[in-house]
Full PDB file with SEQRES, HELIX, SHEET, SSBOND, CRYST1, ORIGX, SCALE, CONECT and MASTER records, all heavy atoms in Angstrom:
SEQRES   1 A   37  GLY ARG ASP LEU PRO ASN ALA GLN THR PHE PRO GLY LYS          
SEQRES   2 A   37  GLY GLY GLN ALA GLN VAL ILE VAL THR LEU PRO VAL LEU          
SEQRES   3 A   37  ALA ARG ASP THR VAL LYS PHE VAL GLY GLN PRO                  
HELIX    1 AA1 LYS A   13  GLY A   15  5                                   3    
CRYST1    1.000    1.000    1.000  90.00  90.00  90.00 P 1           1          
ORIGX1      1.000000  0.000000  0.000000        0.00000                         
ORIGX2      0.000000  1.000000  0.000000        0.00000                         
ORIGX3      0.000000  0.000000  1.000000        0.00000                         
SCALE1      1.000000  0.000000  0.000000        0.00000                         
SCALE2      0.000000  1.000000  0.000000        0.00000                         
SCALE3      0.000000  0.000000  1.000000        0.00000                         
ATOM      1  N   GLY A   1     133.558  78.698 102.313  1.00  0.00           N  
ATOM      2  CA  GLY A   1     133.874  80.053 101.863  1.00  0.00           C  
ATOM      3  C   GLY A   1     132.774  80.613 100.979  1.00  0.00           C  
ATOM      4  O   GLY A   1     132.185  79.896 100.176  1.00  0.00           O  
ATOM      5  N   ARG A   2     132.475  81.877 101.163  1.00  0.00           N  
ATOM      6  CA  ARG A   2     131.439  82.538 100.378  1.00  0.00           C  
ATOM      7  C   ARG A   2     132.015  83.729  99.640  1.00  0.00           C  
ATOM      8  O   ARG A   2     133.135  84.162  99.899  1.00  0.00           O  
ATOM      9  CB  ARG A   2     130.302  82.989 101.293  1.00  0.00           C  
ATOM     10  CG  ARG A   2     129.593  81.815 101.963  1.00  0.00           C  
ATOM     11  CD  ARG A   2     128.499  82.266 102.867  1.00  0.00           C  
ATOM     12  NE  ARG A   2     129.107  83.013 103.978  1.00  0.00           N  
ATOM     13  CZ  ARG A   2     128.438  83.641 104.909  1.00  0.00           C  
ATOM     14  NH1 ARG A   2     127.142  83.654 104.891  1.00  0.00           N  
ATOM     15  NH2 ARG A   2     129.055  84.283 105.880  1.00  0.00           N  
ATOM     16  N   ASP A   3     131.224  84.282  98.724  1.00  0.00           N  
ATOM     17  CA  ASP A   3     131.645  85.448  97.955  1.00  0.00           C  
ATOM     18  C   ASP A   3     131.728  86.681  98.842  1.00  0.00           C  
ATOM     19  O   ASP A   3     131.088  86.765  99.892  1.00  0.00           O  
ATOM     20  CB  ASP A   3     130.654  85.719  96.818  1.00  0.00           C  
ATOM     21  CG  ASP A   3     130.715  84.677  95.725  1.00  0.00           C  
ATOM     22  OD1 ASP A   3     131.593  83.799  95.779  1.00  0.00           O  
ATOM     23  OD2 ASP A   3     129.885  84.751  94.811  1.00  0.00           O  
ATOM     24  N   LEU A   4     132.529  87.645  98.385  1.00  0.00           N  
ATOM     25  CA  LEU A   4     132.651  88.918  99.073  1.00  0.00           C  
ATOM     26  C   LEU A   4     131.514  89.839  98.625  1.00  0.00           C  
ATOM     27  O   LEU A   4     131.331  90.048  97.430  1.00  0.00           O  
ATOM     28  CB  LEU A   4     133.991  89.571  98.742  1.00  0.00           C  
ATOM     29  CG  LEU A   4     135.233  88.777  99.129  1.00  0.00           C  
ATOM     30  CD1 LEU A   4     136.477  89.419  98.525  1.00  0.00           C  
ATOM     31  CD2 LEU A   4     135.346  88.693 100.633  1.00  0.00           C  
ATOM     32  N   PRO A   5     130.760  90.403  99.558  1.00  0.00           N  
ATOM     33  CA  PRO A   5     129.681  91.319  99.169  1.00  0.00           C  
ATOM     34  C   PRO A   5     130.232  92.715  98.911  1.00  0.00           C  
ATOM     35  O   PRO A   5     131.395  92.991  99.169  1.00  0.00           O  
ATOM     36  CB  PRO A   5     128.785  91.325 100.409  1.00  0.00           C  
ATOM     37  CG  PRO A   5     129.746  91.094 101.535  1.00  0.00           C  
ATOM     38  CD  PRO A   5     130.825  90.175 100.984  1.00  0.00           C  
ATOM     39  N   ASN A   6     129.370  93.595  98.415  1.00  0.00           N  
ATOM     40  CA  ASN A   6     129.754  95.000  98.311  1.00  0.00           C  
ATOM     41  C   ASN A   6     130.140  95.470  99.715  1.00  0.00           C  
ATOM     42  O   ASN A   6     129.462  95.140 100.685  1.00  0.00           O  
ATOM     43  CB  ASN A   6     128.574  95.853  97.828  1.00  0.00           C  
ATOM     44  CG  ASN A   6     128.254  95.649  96.375  1.00  0.00           C  
ATOM     45  OD1 ASN A   6     128.217  94.529  95.883  1.00  0.00           O  
ATOM     46  ND2 ASN A   6     127.992  96.726  95.678  1.00  0.00           N  
ATOM     47  N   ALA A   7     131.189  96.237  99.814  1.00  0.00           N  
ATOM     48  CA  ALA A   7     131.631  96.719 101.121  1.00  0.00           C  
ATOM     49  C   ALA A   7     130.623  97.704 101.699  1.00  0.00           C  
ATOM     50  O   ALA A   7     130.442  97.796 102.896  1.00  0.00           O  
ATOM     51  CB  ALA A   7     132.996  97.363 101.003  1.00  0.00           C  
ATOM     52  N   GLN A   8     129.980  98.450 100.833  1.00  0.00           N  
ATOM     53  CA  GLN A   8     129.040  99.468 101.277  1.00  0.00           C  
ATOM     54  C   GLN A   8     127.965  99.610 100.213  1.00  0.00           C  
ATOM     55  O   GLN A   8     128.243  99.490  99.025  1.00  0.00           O  
ATOM     56  CB  GLN A   8     129.797 100.786 101.445  1.00  0.00           C  
ATOM     57  CG  GLN A   8     129.132 101.767 102.314  1.00  0.00           C  
ATOM     58  CD  GLN A   8     130.086 102.924 102.639  1.00  0.00           C  
ATOM     59  OE1 GLN A   8     131.092 103.127 101.993  1.00  0.00           O  
ATOM     60  NE2 GLN A   8     129.739 103.681 103.656  1.00  0.00           N  
ATOM     61  N   THR A   9     126.757  99.838 100.629  1.00  0.00           N  
ATOM     62  CA  THR A   9     125.679 100.039  99.661  1.00  0.00           C  
ATOM     63  C   THR A   9     125.108 101.440  99.842  1.00  0.00           C  
ATOM     64  O   THR A   9     125.204 102.034 100.914  1.00  0.00           O  
ATOM     65  CB  THR A   9     124.564  98.988  99.827  1.00  0.00           C  
ATOM     66  OG1 THR A   9     124.045  99.068 101.151  1.00  0.00           O  
ATOM     67  CG2 THR A   9     125.091  97.579  99.576  1.00  0.00           C  
ATOM     68  N   PHE A  10     124.535 101.942  98.769  1.00  0.00           N  
ATOM     69  CA  PHE A  10     123.972 103.284  98.757  1.00  0.00           C  
ATOM     70  C   PHE A  10     122.574 103.236  98.160  1.00  0.00           C  
ATOM     71  O   PHE A  10     122.328 102.457  97.239  1.00  0.00           O  
ATOM     72  CB  PHE A  10     124.811 104.225  97.874  1.00  0.00           C  
ATOM     73  CG  PHE A  10     126.215 104.404  98.340  1.00  0.00           C  
ATOM     74  CD1 PHE A  10     127.226 103.592  97.851  1.00  0.00           C  
ATOM     75  CD2 PHE A  10     126.539 105.391  99.257  1.00  0.00           C  
ATOM     76  CE1 PHE A  10     128.528 103.757  98.271  1.00  0.00           C  
ATOM     77  CE2 PHE A  10     127.839 105.569  99.683  1.00  0.00           C  
ATOM     78  CZ  PHE A  10     128.835 104.745  99.192  1.00  0.00           C  
ATOM     79  N   PRO A  11     121.671 104.103  98.640  1.00  0.00           N  
ATOM     80  CA  PRO A  11     120.394 104.226  97.938  1.00  0.00           C  
ATOM     81  C   PRO A  11     120.627 104.969  96.626  1.00  0.00           C  
ATOM     82  O   PRO A  11     121.400 105.912  96.574  1.00  0.00           O  
ATOM     83  CB  PRO A  11     119.535 105.039  98.910  1.00  0.00           C  
ATOM     84  CG  PRO A  11     120.517 105.783  99.763  1.00  0.00           C  
ATOM     85  CD  PRO A  11     121.759 104.940  99.809  1.00  0.00           C  
ATOM     86  N   GLY A  12     119.999 104.512  95.596  1.00  0.00           N  
ATOM     87  CA  GLY A  12     120.170 105.136  94.294  1.00  0.00           C  
ATOM     88  C   GLY A  12     119.299 106.362  94.108  1.00  0.00           C  
ATOM     89  O   GLY A  12     118.457 106.706  94.942  1.00  0.00           O  
ATOM     90  N   LYS A  13     119.516 107.018  92.982  1.00  0.00           N  
ATOM     91  CA  LYS A  13     118.762 108.210  92.614  1.00  0.00           C  
ATOM     92  C   LYS A  13     117.269 107.881  92.622  1.00  0.00           C  
ATOM     93  O   LYS A  13     116.854 106.871  92.061  1.00  0.00           O  
ATOM     94  CB  LYS A  13     119.217 108.659  91.226  1.00  0.00           C  
ATOM     95  CG  LYS A  13     118.623 109.939  90.743  1.00  0.00           C  
ATOM     96  CD  LYS A  13     119.212 110.315  89.403  1.00  0.00           C  
ATOM     97  CE  LYS A  13     118.615 111.583  88.860  1.00  0.00           C  
ATOM     98  NZ  LYS A  13     119.176 111.935  87.559  1.00  0.00           N  
ATOM     99  N   GLY A  14     116.485 108.708  93.290  1.00  0.00           N  
ATOM    100  CA  GLY A  14     115.047 108.504  93.355  1.00  0.00           C  
ATOM    101  C   GLY A  14     114.649 107.293  94.184  1.00  0.00           C  
ATOM    102  O   GLY A  14     113.561 106.760  94.030  1.00  0.00           O  
ATOM    103  N   GLY A  15     115.553 106.818  95.048  1.00  0.00           N  
ATOM    104  CA  GLY A  15     115.236 105.681  95.902  1.00  0.00           C  
ATOM    105  C   GLY A  15     115.452 104.325  95.254  1.00  0.00           C  
ATOM    106  O   GLY A  15     115.110 103.298  95.835  1.00  0.00           O  
ATOM    107  N   GLN A  16     116.009 104.325  94.044  1.00  0.00           N  
ATOM    108  CA  GLN A  16     116.241 103.056  93.352  1.00  0.00           C  
ATOM    109  C   GLN A  16     117.216 102.197  94.150  1.00  0.00           C  
ATOM    110  O   GLN A  16     118.208 102.687  94.687  1.00  0.00           O  
ATOM    111  CB  GLN A  16     116.805 103.324  91.951  1.00  0.00           C  
ATOM    112  CG  GLN A  16     117.019 102.083  91.129  1.00  0.00           C  
ATOM    113  CD  GLN A  16     117.578 102.413  89.746  1.00  0.00           C  
ATOM    114  OE1 GLN A  16     118.019 103.527  89.498  1.00  0.00           O  
ATOM    115  NE2 GLN A  16     117.555 101.446  88.854  1.00  0.00           N  
ATOM    116  N   ALA A  17     116.923 100.901  94.239  1.00  0.00           N  
ATOM    117  CA  ALA A  17     117.794  99.977  94.982  1.00  0.00           C  
ATOM    118  C   ALA A  17     119.079  99.713  94.209  1.00  0.00           C  
ATOM    119  O   ALA A  17     119.073  99.615  92.975  1.00  0.00           O  
ATOM    120  CB  ALA A  17     117.065  98.667  95.234  1.00  0.00           C  
ATOM    121  N   GLN A  18     120.173  99.592  94.932  1.00  0.00           N  
ATOM    122  CA  GLN A  18     121.458  99.266  94.318  1.00  0.00           C  
ATOM    123  C   GLN A  18     121.469  97.796  93.912  1.00  0.00           C  
ATOM    124  O   GLN A  18     120.979  96.935  94.635  1.00  0.00           O  
ATOM    125  CB  GLN A  18     122.592  99.537  95.301  1.00  0.00           C  
ATOM    126  CG  GLN A  18     123.956  99.218  94.732  1.00  0.00           C  
ATOM    127  CD  GLN A  18     125.089  99.601  95.662  1.00  0.00           C  
ATOM    128  OE1 GLN A  18     124.876 100.228  96.696  1.00  0.00           O  
ATOM    129  NE2 GLN A  18     126.303  99.230  95.298  1.00  0.00           N  
ATOM    130  N   VAL A  19     122.035  97.507  92.763  1.00  0.00           N  
ATOM    131  CA  VAL A  19     122.233  96.125  92.337  1.00  0.00           C  
ATOM    132  C   VAL A  19     123.454  95.609  93.090  1.00  0.00           C  
ATOM    133  O   VAL A  19     124.548  96.163  92.968  1.00  0.00           O  
ATOM    134  CB  VAL A  19     122.469  96.027  90.810  1.00  0.00           C  
ATOM    135  CG1 VAL A  19     122.775  94.595  90.404  1.00  0.00           C  
ATOM    136  CG2 VAL A  19     121.270  96.567  90.047  1.00  0.00           C  
ATOM    137  N   ILE A  20     123.247  94.602  93.903  1.00  0.00           N  
ATOM    138  CA  ILE A  20     124.336  94.049  94.710  1.00  0.00           C  
ATOM    139  C   ILE A  20     125.056  92.986  93.890  1.00  0.00           C  
ATOM    140  O   ILE A  20     124.455  92.025  93.431  1.00  0.00           O  
ATOM    141  CB  ILE A  20     123.810  93.431  96.023  1.00  0.00           C  
ATOM    142  CG1 ILE A  20     123.021  94.470  96.814  1.00  0.00           C  
ATOM    143  CG2 ILE A  20     124.942  92.848  96.836  1.00  0.00           C  
ATOM    144  CD1 ILE A  20     123.806  95.691  97.227  1.00  0.00           C  
ATOM    145  N   VAL A  21     126.338  93.191  93.705  1.00  0.00           N  
ATOM    146  CA  VAL A  21     127.172  92.264  92.954  1.00  0.00           C  
ATOM    147  C   VAL A  21     128.234  91.728  93.905  1.00  0.00           C  
ATOM    148  O   VAL A  21     128.899  92.499  94.590  1.00  0.00           O  
ATOM    149  CB  VAL A  21     127.848  92.967  91.751  1.00  0.00           C  
ATOM    150  CG1 VAL A  21     128.768  92.026  91.022  1.00  0.00           C  
ATOM    151  CG2 VAL A  21     126.794  93.528  90.814  1.00  0.00           C  
ATOM    152  N   THR A  22     128.348  90.412  93.952  1.00  0.00           N  
ATOM    153  CA  THR A  22     129.361  89.815  94.814  1.00  0.00           C  
ATOM    154  C   THR A  22     130.573  89.419  93.975  1.00  0.00           C  
ATOM    155  O   THR A  22     130.496  89.321  92.751  1.00  0.00           O  
ATOM    156  CB  THR A  22     128.809  88.575  95.539  1.00  0.00           C  
ATOM    157  OG1 THR A  22     128.398  87.619  94.571  1.00  0.00           O  
ATOM    158  CG2 THR A  22     127.643  88.949  96.441  1.00  0.00           C  
ATOM    159  N   LEU A  23     131.684  89.192  94.646  1.00  0.00           N  
ATOM    160  CA  LEU A  23     132.920  88.813  93.988  1.00  0.00           C  
ATOM    161  C   LEU A  23     133.477  87.590  94.702  1.00  0.00           C  
ATOM    162  O   LEU A  23     133.618  87.604  95.925  1.00  0.00           O  
ATOM    163  CB  LEU A  23     133.922  89.967  94.062  1.00  0.00           C  
ATOM    164  CG  LEU A  23     135.223  89.793  93.307  1.00  0.00           C  
ATOM    165  CD1 LEU A  23     134.972  89.777  91.799  1.00  0.00           C  
ATOM    166  CD2 LEU A  23     136.187  90.904  93.650  1.00  0.00           C  
ATOM    167  N   PRO A  24     133.781  86.531  93.964  1.00  0.00           N  
ATOM    168  CA  PRO A  24     134.340  85.363  94.640  1.00  0.00           C  
ATOM    169  C   PRO A  24     135.737  85.652  95.184  1.00  0.00           C  
ATOM    170  O   PRO A  24     136.506  86.406  94.579  1.00  0.00           O  
ATOM    171  CB  PRO A  24     134.388  84.296  93.540  1.00  0.00           C  
ATOM    172  CG  PRO A  24     134.391  85.051  92.261  1.00  0.00           C  
ATOM    173  CD  PRO A  24     133.658  86.338  92.520  1.00  0.00           C  
ATOM    174  N   VAL A  25     136.061  85.076  96.318  1.00  0.00           N  
ATOM    175  CA  VAL A  25     137.398  85.228  96.902  1.00  0.00           C  
ATOM    176  C   VAL A  25     138.421  84.657  95.920  1.00  0.00           C  
ATOM    177  O   VAL A  25     139.456  85.260  95.669  1.00  0.00           O  
ATOM    178  CB  VAL A  25     137.479  84.526  98.275  1.00  0.00           C  
ATOM    179  CG1 VAL A  25     138.899  84.537  98.812  1.00  0.00           C  
ATOM    180  CG2 VAL A  25     136.511  85.168  99.254  1.00  0.00           C  
ATOM    181  N   LEU A  26     138.117  83.482  95.357  1.00  0.00           N  
ATOM    182  CA  LEU A  26     138.932  82.856  94.318  1.00  0.00           C  
ATOM    183  C   LEU A  26     138.034  82.639  93.110  1.00  0.00           C  
ATOM    184  O   LEU A  26     136.945  82.065  93.236  1.00  0.00           O  
ATOM    185  CB  LEU A  26     139.512  81.519  94.809  1.00  0.00           C  
ATOM    186  CG  LEU A  26     140.466  81.611  96.005  1.00  0.00           C  
ATOM    187  CD1 LEU A  26     140.838  80.219  96.511  1.00  0.00           C  
ATOM    188  CD2 LEU A  26     141.718  82.397  95.639  1.00  0.00           C  
ATOM    189  N   ALA A  27     138.456  83.103  91.941  1.00  0.00           N  
ATOM    190  CA  ALA A  27     137.639  83.052  90.730  1.00  0.00           C  
ATOM    191  C   ALA A  27     137.207  81.614  90.429  1.00  0.00           C  
ATOM    192  O   ALA A  27     137.973  80.671  90.603  1.00  0.00           O  
ATOM    193  CB  ALA A  27     138.417  83.619  89.550  1.00  0.00           C  
ATOM    194  N   ARG A  28     135.953  81.494  89.964  1.00  0.00           N  
ATOM    195  CA  ARG A  28     135.414  80.174  89.639  1.00  0.00           C  
ATOM    196  C   ARG A  28     135.408  79.925  88.136  1.00  0.00           C  
ATOM    197  O   ARG A  28     136.171  79.124  87.640  1.00  0.00           O  
ATOM    198  CB  ARG A  28     134.002  80.035  90.200  1.00  0.00           C  
ATOM    199  CG  ARG A  28     133.960  79.834  91.684  1.00  0.00           C  
ATOM    200  CD  ARG A  28     132.541  79.542  92.151  1.00  0.00           C  
ATOM    201  NE  ARG A  28     131.668  80.698  92.031  1.00  0.00           N  
ATOM    202  CZ  ARG A  28     131.541  81.625  92.973  1.00  0.00           C  
ATOM    203  NH1 ARG A  28     132.216  81.527  94.094  1.00  0.00           N  
ATOM    204  NH2 ARG A  28     130.737  82.644  92.798  1.00  0.00           N  
ATOM    205  N   ASP A  29     134.520  80.566  87.442  1.00  0.00           N  
ATOM    206  CA  ASP A  29     134.339  80.299  86.009  1.00  0.00           C  
ATOM    207  C   ASP A  29     134.946  81.374  85.116  1.00  0.00           C  
ATOM    208  O   ASP A  29     135.338  81.099  83.999  1.00  0.00           O  
ATOM    209  CB  ASP A  29     132.842  80.162  85.695  1.00  0.00           C  
ATOM    210  CG  ASP A  29     132.196  79.066  86.515  1.00  0.00           C  
ATOM    211  OD1 ASP A  29     132.797  77.982  86.610  1.00  0.00           O  
ATOM    212  OD2 ASP A  29     131.106  79.292  87.061  1.00  0.00           O  
ATOM    213  N   THR A  30     134.963  82.599  85.632  1.00  0.00           N  
ATOM    214  CA  THR A  30     135.505  83.709  84.854  1.00  0.00           C  
ATOM    215  C   THR A  30     136.358  84.590  85.754  1.00  0.00           C  
ATOM    216  O   THR A  30     136.228  84.558  86.980  1.00  0.00           O  
ATOM    217  CB  THR A  30     134.390  84.595  84.241  1.00  0.00           C  
ATOM    218  OG1 THR A  30     133.600  85.133  85.295  1.00  0.00           O  
ATOM    219  CG2 THR A  30     133.527  83.829  83.267  1.00  0.00           C  
ATOM    220  N   VAL A  31     137.215  85.368  85.110  1.00  0.00           N  
ATOM    221  CA  VAL A  31     137.962  86.412  85.819  1.00  0.00           C  
ATOM    222  C   VAL A  31     137.457  87.743  85.286  1.00  0.00           C  
ATOM    223  O   VAL A  31     137.132  87.867  84.103  1.00  0.00           O  
ATOM    224  CB  VAL A  31     139.486  86.261  85.648  1.00  0.00           C  
ATOM    225  CG1 VAL A  31     139.982  85.025  86.376  1.00  0.00           C  
ATOM    226  CG2 VAL A  31     139.899  86.236  84.200  1.00  0.00           C  
ATOM    227  N   LYS A  32     137.382  88.711  86.176  1.00  0.00           N  
ATOM    228  CA  LYS A  32     136.798  90.015  85.839  1.00  0.00           C  
ATOM    229  C   LYS A  32     137.821  91.141  85.773  1.00  0.00           C  
ATOM    230  O   LYS A  32     137.497  92.233  85.360  1.00  0.00           O  
ATOM    231  CB  LYS A  32     135.735  90.399  86.869  1.00  0.00           C  
ATOM    232  CG  LYS A  32     134.662  89.367  87.097  1.00  0.00           C  
ATOM    233  CD  LYS A  32     133.736  89.262  85.920  1.00  0.00           C  
ATOM    234  CE  LYS A  32     132.566  88.343  86.240  1.00  0.00           C  
ATOM    235  NZ  LYS A  32     131.688  88.161  85.117  1.00  0.00           N  
ATOM    236  N   PHE A  33     139.061  90.883  86.242  1.00  0.00           N  
ATOM    237  CA  PHE A  33     140.084  91.930  86.212  1.00  0.00           C  
ATOM    238  C   PHE A  33     141.468  91.294  86.290  1.00  0.00           C  
ATOM    239  O   PHE A  33     141.635  90.189  86.803  1.00  0.00           O  
ATOM    240  CB  PHE A  33     139.882  92.951  87.335  1.00  0.00           C  
ATOM    241  CG  PHE A  33     139.862  92.364  88.724  1.00  0.00           C  
ATOM    242  CD1 PHE A  33     141.037  92.247  89.470  1.00  0.00           C  
ATOM    243  CD2 PHE A  33     138.669  91.945  89.300  1.00  0.00           C  
ATOM    244  CE1 PHE A  33     141.019  91.731  90.755  1.00  0.00           C  
ATOM    245  CE2 PHE A  33     138.638  91.424  90.581  1.00  0.00           C  
ATOM    246  CZ  PHE A  33     139.816  91.315  91.313  1.00  0.00           C  
ATOM    247  N   VAL A  34     142.447  92.018  85.779  1.00  0.00           N  
ATOM    248  CA  VAL A  34     143.832  91.572  85.875  1.00  0.00           C  
ATOM    249  C   VAL A  34     144.213  91.520  87.350  1.00  0.00           C  
ATOM    250  O   VAL A  34     143.957  92.463  88.095  1.00  0.00           O  
ATOM    251  CB  VAL A  34     144.784  92.527  85.110  1.00  0.00           C  
ATOM    252  CG1 VAL A  34     146.239  92.178  85.393  1.00  0.00           C  
ATOM    253  CG2 VAL A  34     144.507  92.492  83.618  1.00  0.00           C  
ATOM    254  N   GLY A  35     144.793  90.421  87.764  1.00  0.00           N  
ATOM    255  CA  GLY A  35     145.204  90.266  89.147  1.00  0.00           C  
ATOM    256  C   GLY A  35     144.168  89.606  90.030  1.00  0.00           C  
ATOM    257  O   GLY A  35     144.420  89.381  91.220  1.00  0.00           O  
ATOM    258  N   GLN A  36     143.001  89.247  89.483  1.00  0.00           N  
ATOM    259  CA  GLN A  36     141.992  88.589  90.308  1.00  0.00           C  
ATOM    260  C   GLN A  36     142.545  87.252  90.813  1.00  0.00           C  
ATOM    261  O   GLN A  36     143.076  86.455  90.052  1.00  0.00           O  
ATOM    262  CB  GLN A  36     140.698  88.364  89.528  1.00  0.00           C  
ATOM    263  CG  GLN A  36     139.606  87.752  90.382  1.00  0.00           C  
ATOM    264  CD  GLN A  36     138.260  87.671  89.681  1.00  0.00           C  
ATOM    265  OE1 GLN A  36     138.093  88.113  88.550  1.00  0.00           O  
ATOM    266  NE2 GLN A  36     137.280  87.106  90.364  1.00  0.00           N  
ATOM    267  N   PRO A  37     142.425  86.965  92.104  1.00  0.00           N  
ATOM    268  CA  PRO A  37     142.931  85.712  92.651  1.00  0.00           C  
ATOM    269  C   PRO A  37     142.183  84.496  92.090  1.00  0.00           C  
ATOM    270  O   PRO A  37     140.949  84.499  92.013  1.00  0.00           O  
ATOM    271  CB  PRO A  37     142.680  85.843  94.150  1.00  0.00           C  
ATOM    272  CG  PRO A  37     142.579  87.312  94.398  1.00  0.00           C  
ATOM    273  CD  PRO A  37     141.950  87.871  93.149  1.00  0.00           C  
TER     274      PRO A  37                                                      
MASTER        0    0    0    1    0    0    0    6  273    1    0    3          
END                                                                             
């Protein structure tokens, strides 16, 4: 099993690249929101 990627990416203002942040399917070391599996 791997992390979930961003569902969609966008080019940023002035062509700046989006910072891609993944989310684990099941939390490993930290939880980031209430209800995170």
